Amino acid sequence: MKAWTLFALSLLPAACICAKRTNGGIFEQYFSKFQASAPLKLDDTVYEQLTAKPRNHTTAVLLTALETRYGCQMCRDFQPEWDLLARSWAMGDRPGQTKTLFGTLDFNDGKATFQKTAPVLLLFPPTSGPNSRPDGQPVRYDFTSGPQTAEQIHAWVVRHLADGPKPALRRPFDYVRIVTLTTITLGLLSFMTVAYPYLLPILQSRNLWAAISLIIILLFTSGHMFNHIRKVPYVAGDGKGGISYFAGGFSNQFGMETQIVAAMYGVLSFATIALALKAPRMADARKQQISVIIWGAVMFGMYGFLLNVFRVKNGGYPFHLPPF
């Protein structure tokens, strides 16, 4: 019996050393796995091991719910950014100088640990060594402003680590985007090369640019921008069961009013162009005379209607044109 006691006592220092190595080697145990496949895929057991006290390393854990049935679209949107950050950190910290691990705990794998909201990022600081926190409480990052980029999370993690060099975030080269932009560019150049002889006369047409300019002028002079700035109603009631299309006063207007005024300006512009350009080119004097009378009547009537609308906007305006 005495011999067994002495043998047990002789093994006690070795057992203590092994226990110490086991408790202090959590980072070394999972660092190789982190280097091979970042971020670490966690469950309740691994989560407890990585966040247990005391710890001499930092652990960043993303609590998420990736399956579609949970309806966490933000979780699925952020996951590629989180994976990119973890892989960049693992590649840039091969020696493990920062003693930082990144892990993902999905709801299906960590229901005992999981909280009600997702995604949530927890950063567990070390409880011993540089930048340690004796209480060991994690720092929480809530996604209150929507999905975040890997650059934003990288900056947040770096702020909570000890001073020293940190791995840089490296986004992979997007070959698909380069190929897509190159294909589109070459397609547009090919189209322009083939269509150039046909498009050039159109682009050089004075009538085309005059029409575009006229449309823009009519839109802005009729109050189109005012409607977008003030968010005016389209029409309003007149208090008698009917509809009012024109708002009284110069500081008010309706959406329908803008369209009516633009149509009036358009008819007046077209009548002016017809009288100035089309009528003088008519070879038949009788047709020319009829054209002048018709377009003059259209202009006279439309100006009369325009003055009537102006009197609605300003009741004290004394002038008008018949038949309004």
C-alpha atoms as a PDB file:
ATOM      1  CA  MET A   1       0.000   0.000   0.000  1.00  0.00           C
ATOM      2  CA  LYS A   2       2.841   2.347   0.850  1.00  0.00           C
ATOM      3  CA  ALA A   3       4.473   1.631  -2.499  1.00  0.00           C
ATOM      4  CA  TRP A   4       1.285   2.553  -4.393  1.00  0.00           C
ATOM      5  CA  THR A   5       1.030   5.785  -2.414  1.00  0.00           C
ATOM      6  CA  LEU A   6       4.597   6.755  -3.257  1.00  0.00           C
ATOM      7  CA  PHE A   7       3.953   5.909  -6.915  1.00  0.00           C
ATOM      8  CA  ALA A   8       0.836   8.085  -7.003  1.00  0.00           C
ATOM      9  CA  LEU A   9       2.661  10.993  -5.382  1.00  0.00           C
ATOM     10  CA  SER A  10       5.447  10.696  -7.926  1.00  0.00           C
ATOM     11  CA  LEU A  11       2.940  11.048 -10.773  1.00  0.00           C
ATOM     12  CA  LEU A  12       1.208  14.095  -9.250  1.00  0.00           C
ATOM     13  CA  PRO A  13       3.626  16.761 -10.680  1.00  0.00           C
ATOM     14  CA  ALA A  14       3.298  15.271 -14.148  1.00  0.00           C
ATOM     15  CA  ALA A  15      -0.489  15.311 -13.871  1.00  0.00           C
ATOM     16  CA  CYS A  16      -0.427  18.955 -12.817  1.00  0.00           C
ATOM     17  CA  ILE A  17       1.798  19.846 -15.759  1.00  0.00           C
ATOM     18  CA  CYS A  18      -0.520  18.036 -18.166  1.00  0.00           C
ATOM     19  CA  ALA A  19      -3.549  19.751 -16.694  1.00  0.00           C
ATOM     20  CA  LYS A  20      -1.856  23.109 -16.994  1.00  0.00           C
ATOM     21  CA  ARG A  21      -0.993  22.454 -20.605  1.00  0.00           C
ATOM     22  CA  THR A  22      -4.561  21.375 -21.333  1.00  0.00           C
ATOM     23  CA  ASN A  23      -6.083  24.501 -19.780  1.00  0.00           C
ATOM     24  CA  GLY A  24      -3.552  26.835 -21.339  1.00  0.00           C
ATOM     25  CA  GLY A  25      -3.474  25.233 -24.781  1.00  0.00           C
ATOM     26  CA  ILE A  26      -6.984  25.973 -26.003  1.00  0.00           C
ATOM     27  CA  PHE A  27      -5.694  28.565 -28.430  1.00  0.00           C
ATOM     28  CA  GLU A  28      -3.001  26.230 -29.774  1.00  0.00           C
ATOM     29  CA  GLN A  29      -5.560  23.451 -30.060  1.00  0.00           C
ATOM     30  CA  TYR A  30      -7.927  25.422 -32.262  1.00  0.00           C
ATOM     31  CA  PHE A  31      -5.443  27.711 -34.017  1.00  0.00           C
ATOM     32  CA  SER A  32      -4.396  24.995 -36.473  1.00  0.00           C
ATOM     33  CA  LYS A  33      -8.061  24.317 -37.272  1.00  0.00           C
ATOM     34  CA  PHE A  34      -8.607  28.040 -37.728  1.00  0.00           C
ATOM     35  CA  GLN A  35      -5.695  28.219 -40.173  1.00  0.00           C
ATOM     36  CA  ALA A  36      -7.067  25.268 -42.128  1.00  0.00           C
ATOM     37  CA  SER A  37     -10.695  26.393 -42.270  1.00  0.00           C
ATOM     38  CA  ALA A  38     -11.612  29.909 -41.189  1.00  0.00           C
ATOM     39  CA  PRO A  39     -13.922  30.781 -39.549  1.00  0.00           C
ATOM     40  CA  LEU A  40     -14.267  27.956 -37.034  1.00  0.00           C
ATOM     41  CA  LYS A  41     -17.600  26.148 -37.083  1.00  0.00           C
ATOM     42  CA  LEU A  42     -18.746  26.107 -33.463  1.00  0.00           C
ATOM     43  CA  ASP A  43     -21.268  24.223 -31.377  1.00  0.00           C
ATOM     44  CA  ASP A  44     -22.216  24.603 -27.728  1.00  0.00           C
ATOM     45  CA  THR A  45     -19.236  22.561 -26.506  1.00  0.00           C
ATOM     46  CA  VAL A  46     -16.606  24.328 -28.599  1.00  0.00           C
ATOM     47  CA  TYR A  47     -18.155  27.699 -27.760  1.00  0.00           C
ATOM     48  CA  GLU A  48     -17.790  26.982 -24.036  1.00  0.00           C
ATOM     49  CA  GLN A  49     -14.188  25.866 -24.492  1.00  0.00           C
ATOM     50  CA  LEU A  50     -13.153  28.968 -26.462  1.00  0.00           C
ATOM     51  CA  THR A  51     -14.877  31.422 -24.097  1.00  0.00           C
ATOM     52  CA  ALA A  52     -14.126  29.707 -20.786  1.00  0.00           C
ATOM     53  CA  LYS A  53     -12.062  31.523 -18.160  1.00  0.00           C
ATOM     54  CA  PRO A  54      -9.157  31.884 -17.795  1.00  0.00           C
ATOM     55  CA  ARG A  55      -8.164  32.476 -21.395  1.00  0.00           C
ATOM     56  CA  ASN A  56      -5.103  34.134 -22.898  1.00  0.00           C
ATOM     57  CA  HIS A  57      -6.590  34.671 -26.353  1.00  0.00           C
ATOM     58  CA  THR A  58      -9.331  36.682 -28.049  1.00  0.00           C
ATOM     59  CA  THR A  59     -12.321  34.993 -29.646  1.00  0.00           C
ATOM     60  CA  ALA A  60     -14.748  36.681 -32.034  1.00  0.00           C
ATOM     61  CA  VAL A  61     -17.972  34.688 -32.314  1.00  0.00           C
ATOM     62  CA  LEU A  62     -20.787  35.410 -34.752  1.00  0.00           C
ATOM     63  CA  LEU A  63     -24.182  34.162 -33.579  1.00  0.00           C
ATOM     64  CA  THR A  64     -26.259  33.644 -36.686  1.00  0.00           C
ATOM     65  CA  ALA A  65     -29.163  31.728 -38.223  1.00  0.00           C
ATOM     66  CA  LEU A  66     -28.475  30.902 -41.848  1.00  0.00           C
ATOM     67  CA  GLU A  67     -31.324  28.560 -42.764  1.00  0.00           C
ATOM     68  CA  THR A  68     -34.118  30.118 -44.815  1.00  0.00           C
ATOM     69  CA  ARG A  69     -36.832  28.933 -42.439  1.00  0.00           C
ATOM     70  CA  TYR A  70     -35.597  31.343 -39.747  1.00  0.00           C
ATOM     71  CA  GLY A  71     -36.124  34.341 -42.021  1.00  0.00           C
ATOM     72  CA  CYS A  72     -32.876  36.143 -41.128  1.00  0.00           C
ATOM     73  CA  GLN A  73     -31.972  37.778 -44.437  1.00  0.00           C
ATOM     74  CA  MET A  74     -29.370  39.961 -42.725  1.00  0.00           C
ATOM     75  CA  CYS A  75     -27.615  36.808 -41.492  1.00  0.00           C
ATOM     76  CA  ARG A  76     -27.293  35.457 -45.027  1.00  0.00           C
ATOM     77  CA  ASP A  77     -26.230  38.840 -46.410  1.00  0.00           C
ATOM     78  CA  PHE A  78     -23.474  39.324 -43.832  1.00  0.00           C
ATOM     79  CA  GLN A  79     -22.099  35.758 -43.843  1.00  0.00           C
ATOM     80  CA  PRO A  80     -19.879  36.204 -46.979  1.00  0.00           C
ATOM     81  CA  GLU A  81     -18.338  39.346 -45.423  1.00  0.00           C
ATOM     82  CA  TRP A  82     -17.679  37.495 -42.163  1.00  0.00           C
ATOM     83  CA  ASP A  83     -16.084  34.566 -43.991  1.00  0.00           C
ATOM     84  CA  LEU A  84     -13.894  36.959 -45.969  1.00  0.00           C
ATOM     85  CA  LEU A  85     -12.737  38.703 -42.782  1.00  0.00           C
ATOM     86  CA  ALA A  86     -11.927  35.414 -41.036  1.00  0.00           C
ATOM     87  CA  ARG A  87      -9.998  34.016 -44.014  1.00  0.00           C
ATOM     88  CA  SER A  88      -8.039  37.258 -44.418  1.00  0.00           C
ATOM     89  CA  TRP A  89      -7.145  37.219 -40.713  1.00  0.00           C
ATOM     90  CA  ALA A  90      -6.042  33.584 -40.834  1.00  0.00           C
ATOM     91  CA  MET A  91      -3.853  34.212 -43.903  1.00  0.00           C
ATOM     92  CA  GLY A  92      -2.310  37.375 -42.451  1.00  0.00           C
ATOM     93  CA  ASP A  93      -1.628  35.945 -38.986  1.00  0.00           C
ATOM     94  CA  ARG A  94       0.132  32.671 -39.744  1.00  0.00           C
ATOM     95  CA  PRO A  95       2.323  32.793 -36.582  1.00  0.00           C
ATOM     96  CA  GLY A  96      -0.696  33.574 -34.382  1.00  0.00           C
ATOM     97  CA  GLN A  97       0.807  36.752 -32.943  1.00  0.00           C
ATOM     98  CA  THR A  98      -2.571  38.404 -32.332  1.00  0.00           C
ATOM     99  CA  LYS A  99      -3.886  35.269 -30.548  1.00  0.00           C
ATOM    100  CA  THR A 100      -7.301  35.870 -32.098  1.00  0.00           C
ATOM    101  CA  LEU A 101      -9.788  33.273 -33.363  1.00  0.00           C
ATOM    102  CA  PHE A 102     -12.945  33.782 -35.430  1.00  0.00           C
ATOM    103  CA  GLY A 103     -15.846  31.393 -35.145  1.00  0.00           C
ATOM    104  CA  THR A 104     -19.445  31.032 -36.342  1.00  0.00           C
ATOM    105  CA  LEU A 105     -22.167  29.580 -34.111  1.00  0.00           C
ATOM    106  CA  ASP A 106     -25.282  28.756 -36.097  1.00  0.00           C
ATOM    107  CA  PHE A 107     -28.625  28.428 -34.362  1.00  0.00           C
ATOM    108  CA  ASN A 108     -28.932  24.761 -35.303  1.00  0.00           C
ATOM    109  CA  ASP A 109     -25.569  23.985 -33.655  1.00  0.00           C
ATOM    110  CA  GLY A 110     -25.869  26.174 -30.566  1.00  0.00           C
ATOM    111  CA  LYS A 111     -29.480  26.348 -29.360  1.00  0.00           C
ATOM    112  CA  ALA A 112     -28.333  26.201 -25.739  1.00  0.00           C
ATOM    113  CA  THR A 113     -26.096  29.250 -26.235  1.00  0.00           C
ATOM    114  CA  PHE A 114     -28.031  31.152 -28.853  1.00  0.00           C
ATOM    115  CA  GLN A 115     -29.759  34.422 -28.040  1.00  0.00           C
ATOM    116  CA  LYS A 116     -33.035  35.665 -29.440  1.00  0.00           C
ATOM    117  CA  THR A 117     -31.649  38.177 -31.946  1.00  0.00           C
ATOM    118  CA  ALA A 118     -29.424  37.461 -34.919  1.00  0.00           C
ATOM    119  CA  PRO A 119     -26.929  38.227 -36.174  1.00  0.00           C
ATOM    120  CA  VAL A 120     -24.921  39.190 -33.079  1.00  0.00           C
ATOM    121  CA  LEU A 121     -21.141  39.420 -32.934  1.00  0.00           C
ATOM    122  CA  LEU A 122     -19.419  38.756 -29.599  1.00  0.00           C
ATOM    123  CA  LEU A 123     -15.743  39.514 -28.997  1.00  0.00           C
ATOM    124  CA  PHE A 124     -14.312  37.696 -25.968  1.00  0.00           C
ATOM    125  CA  PRO A 125     -11.127  39.486 -24.783  1.00  0.00           C
ATOM    126  CA  PRO A 126      -8.378  37.640 -22.939  1.00  0.00           C
ATOM    127  CA  THR A 127      -8.518  37.501 -19.140  1.00  0.00           C
ATOM    128  CA  SER A 128      -4.724  37.455 -18.827  1.00  0.00           C
ATOM    129  CA  GLY A 129      -1.884  39.094 -20.706  1.00  0.00           C
ATOM    130  CA  PRO A 130      -1.931  42.325 -22.773  1.00  0.00           C
ATOM    131  CA  ASN A 131      -5.241  44.125 -23.216  1.00  0.00           C
ATOM    132  CA  SER A 132      -6.922  41.679 -20.826  1.00  0.00           C
ATOM    133  CA  ARG A 133     -10.164  42.204 -18.966  1.00  0.00           C
ATOM    134  CA  PRO A 134     -10.410  40.472 -15.620  1.00  0.00           C
ATOM    135  CA  ASP A 135     -14.200  40.254 -15.798  1.00  0.00           C
ATOM    136  CA  GLY A 136     -13.962  38.490 -19.172  1.00  0.00           C
ATOM    137  CA  GLN A 137     -17.249  39.968 -20.369  1.00  0.00           C
ATOM    138  CA  PRO A 138     -17.619  39.948 -24.169  1.00  0.00           C
ATOM    139  CA  VAL A 139     -17.915  43.088 -26.247  1.00  0.00           C
ATOM    140  CA  ARG A 140     -21.117  43.035 -28.268  1.00  0.00           C
ATOM    141  CA  TYR A 141     -21.611  44.327 -31.826  1.00  0.00           C
ATOM    142  CA  ASP A 142     -25.251  44.741 -32.830  1.00  0.00           C
ATOM    143  CA  PHE A 143     -26.275  45.096 -36.447  1.00  0.00           C
ATOM    144  CA  THR A 144     -28.681  47.935 -35.798  1.00  0.00           C
ATOM    145  CA  SER A 145     -27.898  49.750 -39.061  1.00  0.00           C
ATOM    146  CA  GLY A 146     -28.280  46.735 -41.358  1.00  0.00           C
ATOM    147  CA  PRO A 147     -25.697  44.426 -42.936  1.00  0.00           C
ATOM    148  CA  GLN A 148     -22.102  45.486 -42.389  1.00  0.00           C
ATOM    149  CA  THR A 149     -19.054  45.099 -44.580  1.00  0.00           C
ATOM    150  CA  ALA A 150     -15.958  43.137 -43.709  1.00  0.00           C
ATOM    151  CA  GLU A 151     -13.994  46.412 -43.565  1.00  0.00           C
ATOM    152  CA  GLN A 152     -16.286  47.792 -40.837  1.00  0.00           C
ATOM    153  CA  ILE A 153     -16.058  44.665 -38.690  1.00  0.00           C
ATOM    154  CA  HIS A 154     -12.291  44.475 -39.226  1.00  0.00           C
ATOM    155  CA  ALA A 155     -11.880  48.024 -37.925  1.00  0.00           C
ATOM    156  CA  TRP A 156     -14.102  47.237 -34.921  1.00  0.00           C
ATOM    157  CA  VAL A 157     -12.124  44.095 -34.019  1.00  0.00           C
ATOM    158  CA  VAL A 158      -8.777  45.898 -34.361  1.00  0.00           C
ATOM    159  CA  ARG A 159      -9.913  48.660 -31.981  1.00  0.00           C
ATOM    160  CA  HIS A 160     -10.469  46.097 -29.227  1.00  0.00           C
ATOM    161  CA  LEU A 161      -7.150  44.259 -29.606  1.00  0.00           C
ATOM    162  CA  ALA A 162      -3.783  45.027 -28.070  1.00  0.00           C
ATOM    163  CA  ASP A 163      -1.419  47.361 -29.885  1.00  0.00           C
ATOM    164  CA  GLY A 164       0.718  45.788 -32.576  1.00  0.00           C
ATOM    165  CA  PRO A 165       0.572  44.684 -36.192  1.00  0.00           C
ATOM    166  CA  LYS A 166      -2.772  43.315 -37.369  1.00  0.00           C
ATOM    167  CA  PRO A 167      -3.574  41.281 -40.498  1.00  0.00           C
ATOM    168  CA  ALA A 168      -4.959  43.353 -43.356  1.00  0.00           C
ATOM    169  CA  LEU A 169      -8.274  42.575 -44.989  1.00  0.00           C
ATOM    170  CA  ARG A 170      -7.810  41.301 -48.530  1.00  0.00           C
ATOM    171  CA  ARG A 171     -10.757  40.962 -50.874  1.00  0.00           C
ATOM    172  CA  PRO A 172     -10.351  38.395 -53.650  1.00  0.00           C
ATOM    173  CA  PHE A 173     -10.036  39.701 -57.181  1.00  0.00           C
ATOM    174  CA  ASP A 174     -13.468  39.729 -58.826  1.00  0.00           C
ATOM    175  CA  TYR A 175     -12.731  38.112 -62.181  1.00  0.00           C
ATOM    176  CA  VAL A 176     -16.425  37.714 -63.021  1.00  0.00           C
ATOM    177  CA  ARG A 177     -17.017  41.457 -62.735  1.00  0.00           C
ATOM    178  CA  ILE A 178     -13.974  42.258 -64.892  1.00  0.00           C
ATOM    179  CA  VAL A 179     -15.090  39.795 -67.572  1.00  0.00           C
ATOM    180  CA  THR A 180     -18.640  41.163 -67.480  1.00  0.00           C
ATOM    181  CA  LEU A 181     -17.521  44.798 -67.799  1.00  0.00           C
ATOM    182  CA  THR A 182     -15.090  43.897 -70.583  1.00  0.00           C
ATOM    183  CA  THR A 183     -17.800  42.026 -72.501  1.00  0.00           C
ATOM    184  CA  ILE A 184     -20.275  44.888 -72.137  1.00  0.00           C
ATOM    185  CA  THR A 185     -17.670  47.450 -73.191  1.00  0.00           C
ATOM    186  CA  LEU A 186     -16.646  45.466 -76.250  1.00  0.00           C
ATOM    187  CA  GLY A 187     -20.297  44.913 -77.159  1.00  0.00           C
ATOM    188  CA  LEU A 188     -21.038  48.641 -76.941  1.00  0.00           C
ATOM    189  CA  LEU A 189     -17.963  49.489 -79.016  1.00  0.00           C
ATOM    190  CA  SER A 190     -18.970  46.949 -81.664  1.00  0.00           C
ATOM    191  CA  PHE A 191     -22.518  48.308 -81.740  1.00  0.00           C
ATOM    192  CA  MET A 192     -21.313  51.909 -82.028  1.00  0.00           C
ATOM    193  CA  THR A 193     -18.905  50.967 -84.826  1.00  0.00           C
ATOM    194  CA  VAL A 194     -21.653  49.293 -86.854  1.00  0.00           C
ATOM    195  CA  ALA A 195     -24.401  51.819 -86.083  1.00  0.00           C
ATOM    196  CA  TYR A 196     -22.227  54.955 -86.304  1.00  0.00           C
ATOM    197  CA  PRO A 197     -23.038  55.734 -89.958  1.00  0.00           C
ATOM    198  CA  TYR A 198     -26.755  55.499 -89.169  1.00  0.00           C
ATOM    199  CA  LEU A 199     -26.702  57.256 -85.780  1.00  0.00           C
ATOM    200  CA  LEU A 200     -24.529  60.198 -86.819  1.00  0.00           C
ATOM    201  CA  PRO A 201     -27.187  61.955 -88.965  1.00  0.00           C
ATOM    202  CA  ILE A 202     -29.700  61.530 -86.133  1.00  0.00           C
ATOM    203  CA  LEU A 203     -27.336  62.897 -83.505  1.00  0.00           C
ATOM    204  CA  GLN A 204     -26.485  65.853 -85.741  1.00  0.00           C
ATOM    205  CA  SER A 205     -30.133  66.692 -86.369  1.00  0.00           C
ATOM    206  CA  ARG A 206     -30.996  70.165 -85.141  1.00  0.00           C
ATOM    207  CA  ASN A 207     -34.674  69.249 -84.974  1.00  0.00           C
ATOM    208  CA  LEU A 208     -33.933  66.370 -82.544  1.00  0.00           C
ATOM    209  CA  TRP A 209     -31.962  68.535 -80.154  1.00  0.00           C
ATOM    210  CA  ALA A 210     -34.501  71.339 -80.482  1.00  0.00           C
ATOM    211  CA  ALA A 211     -37.306  68.921 -79.557  1.00  0.00           C
ATOM    212  CA  ILE A 212     -35.364  67.552 -76.560  1.00  0.00           C
ATOM    213  CA  SER A 213     -34.561  71.072 -75.382  1.00  0.00           C
ATOM    214  CA  LEU A 214     -38.167  72.136 -75.782  1.00  0.00           C
ATOM    215  CA  ILE A 215     -39.454  69.190 -73.747  1.00  0.00           C
ATOM    216  CA  ILE A 216     -37.001  69.923 -70.925  1.00  0.00           C
ATOM    217  CA  ILE A 217     -37.934  73.623 -70.954  1.00  0.00           C
ATOM    218  CA  LEU A 218     -41.648  72.813 -70.810  1.00  0.00           C
ATOM    219  CA  LEU A 219     -41.149  70.411 -67.893  1.00  0.00           C
ATOM    220  CA  PHE A 220     -39.239  72.879 -65.766  1.00  0.00           C
ATOM    221  CA  THR A 221     -41.204  76.024 -66.619  1.00  0.00           C
ATOM    222  CA  SER A 222     -44.499  74.255 -65.843  1.00  0.00           C
ATOM    223  CA  GLY A 223     -43.407  73.417 -62.280  1.00  0.00           C
ATOM    224  CA  HIS A 224     -42.267  69.796 -62.538  1.00  0.00           C
ATOM    225  CA  MET A 225     -39.348  70.308 -60.115  1.00  0.00           C
ATOM    226  CA  PHE A 226     -41.616  72.180 -57.674  1.00  0.00           C
ATOM    227  CA  ASN A 227     -43.826  69.080 -57.454  1.00  0.00           C
ATOM    228  CA  HIS A 228     -40.883  66.835 -56.578  1.00  0.00           C
ATOM    229  CA  ILE A 229     -39.575  69.210 -53.919  1.00  0.00           C
ATOM    230  CA  ARG A 230     -42.901  69.996 -52.234  1.00  0.00           C
ATOM    231  CA  LYS A 231     -44.583  66.591 -52.800  1.00  0.00           C
ATOM    232  CA  VAL A 232     -47.802  68.301 -53.885  1.00  0.00           C
ATOM    233  CA  PRO A 233     -51.128  66.422 -54.263  1.00  0.00           C
ATOM    234  CA  TYR A 234     -52.292  65.488 -57.750  1.00  0.00           C
ATOM    235  CA  VAL A 235     -55.735  67.153 -57.387  1.00  0.00           C
ATOM    236  CA  ALA A 236     -57.863  68.401 -54.498  1.00  0.00           C
ATOM    237  CA  GLY A 237     -61.528  68.834 -53.671  1.00  0.00           C
ATOM    238  CA  ASP A 238     -63.202  72.199 -54.233  1.00  0.00           C
ATOM    239  CA  GLY A 239     -65.385  71.961 -51.113  1.00  0.00           C
ATOM    240  CA  LYS A 240     -68.549  71.505 -53.193  1.00  0.00           C
ATOM    241  CA  GLY A 241     -68.210  67.854 -54.093  1.00  0.00           C
ATOM    242  CA  GLY A 242     -66.149  68.531 -57.205  1.00  0.00           C
ATOM    243  CA  ILE A 243     -62.460  68.464 -58.109  1.00  0.00           C
ATOM    244  CA  SER A 244     -60.152  71.448 -58.220  1.00  0.00           C
ATOM    245  CA  TYR A 245     -57.377  71.200 -60.815  1.00  0.00           C
ATOM    246  CA  PHE A 246     -55.717  74.557 -60.062  1.00  0.00           C
ATOM    247  CA  ALA A 247     -54.502  75.746 -56.667  1.00  0.00           C
ATOM    248  CA  GLY A 248     -55.010  79.381 -55.780  1.00  0.00           C
ATOM    249  CA  GLY A 249     -51.934  81.512 -55.172  1.00  0.00           C
ATOM    250  CA  PHE A 250     -48.466  81.484 -56.696  1.00  0.00           C
ATOM    251  CA  SER A 251     -46.936  79.395 -53.890  1.00  0.00           C
ATOM    252  CA  ASN A 252     -49.293  76.423 -54.398  1.00  0.00           C
ATOM    253  CA  GLN A 253     -50.007  74.057 -57.246  1.00  0.00           C
ATOM    254  CA  PHE A 254     -51.288  70.548 -57.992  1.00  0.00           C
ATOM    255  CA  GLY A 255     -49.732  67.767 -60.048  1.00  0.00           C
ATOM    256  CA  MET A 256     -52.581  67.871 -62.578  1.00  0.00           C
ATOM    257  CA  GLU A 257     -52.142  71.617 -62.864  1.00  0.00           C
ATOM    258  CA  THR A 258     -48.519  71.136 -63.920  1.00  0.00           C
ATOM    259  CA  GLN A 259     -49.537  68.736 -66.695  1.00  0.00           C
ATOM    260  CA  ILE A 260     -52.241  71.073 -67.989  1.00  0.00           C
ATOM    261  CA  VAL A 261     -49.867  74.057 -68.036  1.00  0.00           C
ATOM    262  CA  ALA A 262     -47.185  71.999 -69.802  1.00  0.00           C
ATOM    263  CA  ALA A 263     -49.739  70.945 -72.440  1.00  0.00           C
ATOM    264  CA  MET A 264     -50.750  74.589 -73.002  1.00  0.00           C
ATOM    265  CA  TYR A 265     -47.130  75.661 -73.368  1.00  0.00           C
ATOM    266  CA  GLY A 266     -46.565  72.778 -75.772  1.00  0.00           C
ATOM    267  CA  VAL A 267     -49.507  73.744 -77.995  1.00  0.00           C
ATOM    268  CA  LEU A 268     -48.393  77.384 -78.006  1.00  0.00           C
ATOM    269  CA  SER A 269     -44.838  76.389 -78.880  1.00  0.00           C
ATOM    270  CA  PHE A 270     -45.971  74.105 -81.681  1.00  0.00           C
ATOM    271  CA  ALA A 271     -48.251  76.833 -83.078  1.00  0.00           C
ATOM    272  CA  THR A 272     -45.393  79.349 -82.992  1.00  0.00           C
ATOM    273  CA  ILE A 273     -43.036  76.948 -84.769  1.00  0.00           C
ATOM    274  CA  ALA A 274     -45.657  76.165 -87.392  1.00  0.00           C
ATOM    275  CA  LEU A 275     -46.272  79.874 -88.096  1.00  0.00           C
ATOM    276  CA  ALA A 276     -42.566  80.708 -88.175  1.00  0.00           C
ATOM    277  CA  LEU A 277     -41.200  77.724 -90.124  1.00  0.00           C
ATOM    278  CA  LYS A 278     -43.891  75.666 -91.824  1.00  0.00           C
ATOM    279  CA  ALA A 279     -46.296  78.273 -93.152  1.00  0.00           C
ATOM    280  CA  PRO A 280     -43.705  80.363 -95.052  1.00  0.00           C
ATOM    281  CA  ARG A 281     -42.496  77.256 -96.924  1.00  0.00           C
ATOM    282  CA  MET A 282     -45.906  76.403 -98.395  1.00  0.00           C
ATOM    283  CA  ALA A 283     -45.966  76.941-102.138  1.00  0.00           C
ATOM    284  CA  ASP A 284     -49.769  77.139-102.373  1.00  0.00           C
ATOM    285  CA  ALA A 285     -50.887  80.620-101.264  1.00  0.00           C
ATOM    286  CA  ARG A 286     -54.413  79.449-100.369  1.00  0.00           C
ATOM    287  CA  LYS A 287     -53.146  76.611 -98.163  1.00  0.00           C
ATOM    288  CA  GLN A 288     -50.672  78.983 -96.616  1.00  0.00           C
ATOM    289  CA  GLN A 289     -53.464  81.436 -95.773  1.00  0.00           C
ATOM    290  CA  ILE A 290     -55.644  78.706 -94.256  1.00  0.00           C
ATOM    291  CA  SER A 291     -52.698  77.432 -92.218  1.00  0.00           C
ATOM    292  CA  VAL A 292     -51.988  80.906 -90.846  1.00  0.00           C
ATOM    293  CA  ILE A 293     -55.659  81.398 -89.889  1.00  0.00           C
ATOM    294  CA  ILE A 294     -55.894  77.974 -88.173  1.00  0.00           C
ATOM    295  CA  TRP A 295     -52.668  78.278 -86.212  1.00  0.00           C
ATOM    296  CA  GLY A 296     -53.436  81.912 -85.342  1.00  0.00           C
ATOM    297  CA  ALA A 297     -56.831  80.856 -83.967  1.00  0.00           C
ATOM    298  CA  VAL A 298     -55.218  78.045 -81.971  1.00  0.00           C
ATOM    299  CA  MET A 299     -52.690  80.464 -80.511  1.00  0.00           C
ATOM    300  CA  PHE A 300     -55.346  83.070 -79.705  1.00  0.00           C
ATOM    301  CA  GLY A 301     -57.620  80.536 -77.989  1.00  0.00           C
ATOM    302  CA  MET A 302     -54.817  78.918 -76.047  1.00  0.00           C
ATOM    303  CA  TYR A 303     -53.521  82.287 -74.844  1.00  0.00           C
ATOM    304  CA  GLY A 304     -57.054  83.106 -73.719  1.00  0.00           C
ATOM    305  CA  PHE A 305     -57.193  79.862 -71.722  1.00  0.00           C
ATOM    306  CA  LEU A 306     -53.736  80.557 -70.261  1.00  0.00           C
ATOM    307  CA  LEU A 307     -54.822  84.018 -69.088  1.00  0.00           C
ATOM    308  CA  ASN A 308     -57.929  82.475 -67.531  1.00  0.00           C
ATOM    309  CA  VAL A 309     -55.768  80.011 -65.572  1.00  0.00           C
ATOM    310  CA  PHE A 310     -53.552  82.892 -64.497  1.00  0.00           C
ATOM    311  CA  ARG A 311     -56.622  84.707 -63.134  1.00  0.00           C
ATOM    312  CA  VAL A 312     -57.447  81.597 -61.078  1.00  0.00           C
ATOM    313  CA  LYS A 313     -53.979  81.771 -59.559  1.00  0.00           C
ATOM    314  CA  ASN A 314     -54.246  85.552 -59.054  1.00  0.00           C
ATOM    315  CA  GLY A 315     -57.791  86.770 -58.643  1.00  0.00           C
ATOM    316  CA  GLY A 316     -56.821  90.428 -58.985  1.00  0.00           C
ATOM    317  CA  TYR A 317     -55.421  90.058 -62.521  1.00  0.00           C
ATOM    318  CA  PRO A 318     -57.580  92.420 -64.687  1.00  0.00           C
ATOM    319  CA  PHE A 319     -56.936  91.116 -68.231  1.00  0.00           C
ATOM    320  CA  HIS A 320     -58.519  88.302 -70.191  1.00  0.00           C
ATOM    321  CA  LEU A 321     -59.079  87.130 -73.769  1.00  0.00           C
ATOM    322  CA  PRO A 322     -62.350  85.789 -75.165  1.00  0.00           C
ATOM    323  CA  PRO A 323     -63.942  83.301 -75.196  1.00  0.00           C
ATOM    324  CA  PHE A 324     -62.717  82.767 -71.613  1.00  0.00           C
END
